[in-house]
Amino acid sequence: MKVIIYTRQSKHRDESVTHELQENACQSFAKSRGWEVVQVLNERGISGKTIAKRTEFQTALKMIKDKEAEGLLVWRWSRFARNTLDGLITLKSIEEEAKGQVHCALEQIDRSAMGKFSLTMMLGMAELESNVKGEQWNEALMLRLSKGLPPSGKVQFGYDKVAGQYIKNPEEAAILKEAYERYTSGEGVRSICEDFSARSLPAPGPRGWYSGGMFDLLDKVFYSGKISWVPKKGEEPIIVDGAHEAILSAGEWSAYRKSRKDRKMNVRPKNPRWMLSGLVVCGLCGSKMLSHSDSRGRRQLMCAKYNAEGKGACKGVFRRQSIVTTRVWFWLGAHLDEWASAMPSNEEARKAAEKALADSQAAVETAHADYSRYADWAYEHGILAAVSASKLAEKAETIKDAESAVESAQAHLASLVPVADVHERILEGSKLMGFSDERPKMWQRPDGEWEDAPEEVSEQATARLREALSLIIDTVVVLPSTAKSPRDPDRNHAEEVKIIPRKL
């Protein structure tokens, strides 16, 4: 008989039932029966509770169905299945539909009534063993969580593991802190990874610094001093306080999460190296203006709605990027002192942010109290379950909104940019973007043409500058041209770019 040897191991451990041990036992058994082994299939890192996800097992079933083999040989029945019902259904499918056979090297049974009963018992014992191990594992996980330790016990980048405890590693923690700050300020992970790689900074894995790995790292709630555990796939994670020292404050973590959410919703600028990305809008429809290079390599702006939907949605506004940039810089030069004097002081801004946070936290407490008060009242007065459930759902939504407001307030407080720092960033940006006290390098020549913008500066510097500008400027509106010709000598480019400052 031609048989397939199938081995399975859900978790690799040297002391566990290895694939080699299972295969050797099956090879000896097949040899003693005079069977020909046509294939050896090893299922690695897969539980036996479900059959659908076991690709090698599915391959074996197909080979038997296609008559490439006559039987399946396993070491024990627990390797075949750890779910009694699945195991019996699959066995019946192989023997009755595919006309194949299933044999077990160490737990041999015949096909008598008693043999079938024994097989059911063995599959049941395999399922029971799996469930018991699962319960023991869950108990061990819950014990670790109660001690403020992560379920896996793995080493975490940013920390050293000493006697089972996680102690902050100063060098790695500083790298993480820098990554969070740069991402939250608007820089992209690719730019951060390129910089970290160029500086040869220690990385969390052998692949070094790359975008996917960076997101996996930054998304860990562990760095905010918390532990996250998902009991079952698809369920909400359980978040508990960790026993380790946090690298980020609650506000810094909230600021990162807000930035991450905004970027997933495509709020992040399409051109991260342009200081005004995300601030410039079309004067006809209000859509964002996209930045792109024309055939001559010059940066141009166009309406995003026109680009995506055509003239039917918006007739479109087009402008040289350097014209808009220059207009904004002239505006800044004329209004920077005025803005600085009108801005609240650092202390005033901090106190306002702290008050907003305190108010939002009080709103959460009020929402929770209101929920509990209504639940008690509904129970005491025998309110219909359907009515009380609907009302409680509304109040639960109020709690969720209030908690979201707290997170936003925490993020705002953590990301406050001092007035002096804003001023410094703008002055720094004026040099980076090619401006001087005499005149900007991007200027309009007598023939009406504009010089090209200087080479783009680093994304990190641009992100710092854009964050400062966003505190001063709400939007930059690019209006349609009023001139008959783009080269009209009477054309006033300044009037075609309207800067709307933020309300101070």
Foldseek 3Di string as FASTA:
>chain_A
DEEEEEFEDQDDDPPDCDLVNWVVLQVVQCVVVVYHYPYYYYFYNDAQADDVPGVSSVVRLVCLLVVVGAEYETAAVLRQHLHLVVSVVVQCCSCPVSVHYYAHRPDGFDPDPVRVVVSSVRSPVSNVVVVVVLVVLVVQQVVCVVQQHASVLDQAFQFDQDPSDTEGDVQRLVLLVVQLVLVLLAFAQQLSQVVCVVVVRDDPDPVGRDRVSNCVRLVDCVQQQWYWDDSDPPDHIDIDGHPYDHSDHLQSNLSSVVSVVCVVVVQRFPDLLALCGNFAAEQWPGAGWHWDADPVRFIKTKHPCCVVPNVVVPVMAIDGPLLQVQLVVVVCVVCVVVVLVPDDAPVVQLVVLVVQLVVLVVQLVVLVVVLVVLVVVCVVVVPDPVVNVVVSVVSVVSNVVSVNSNSVSSNCNVPDDGSVLLVVLQVVVCVQFQHDPVGRQFDADQQRDTDGTPPGDRSSSSSSNSSSVVQWFNHKYAAHWPDPDSRPNPTDSSVRIDTHTDDD
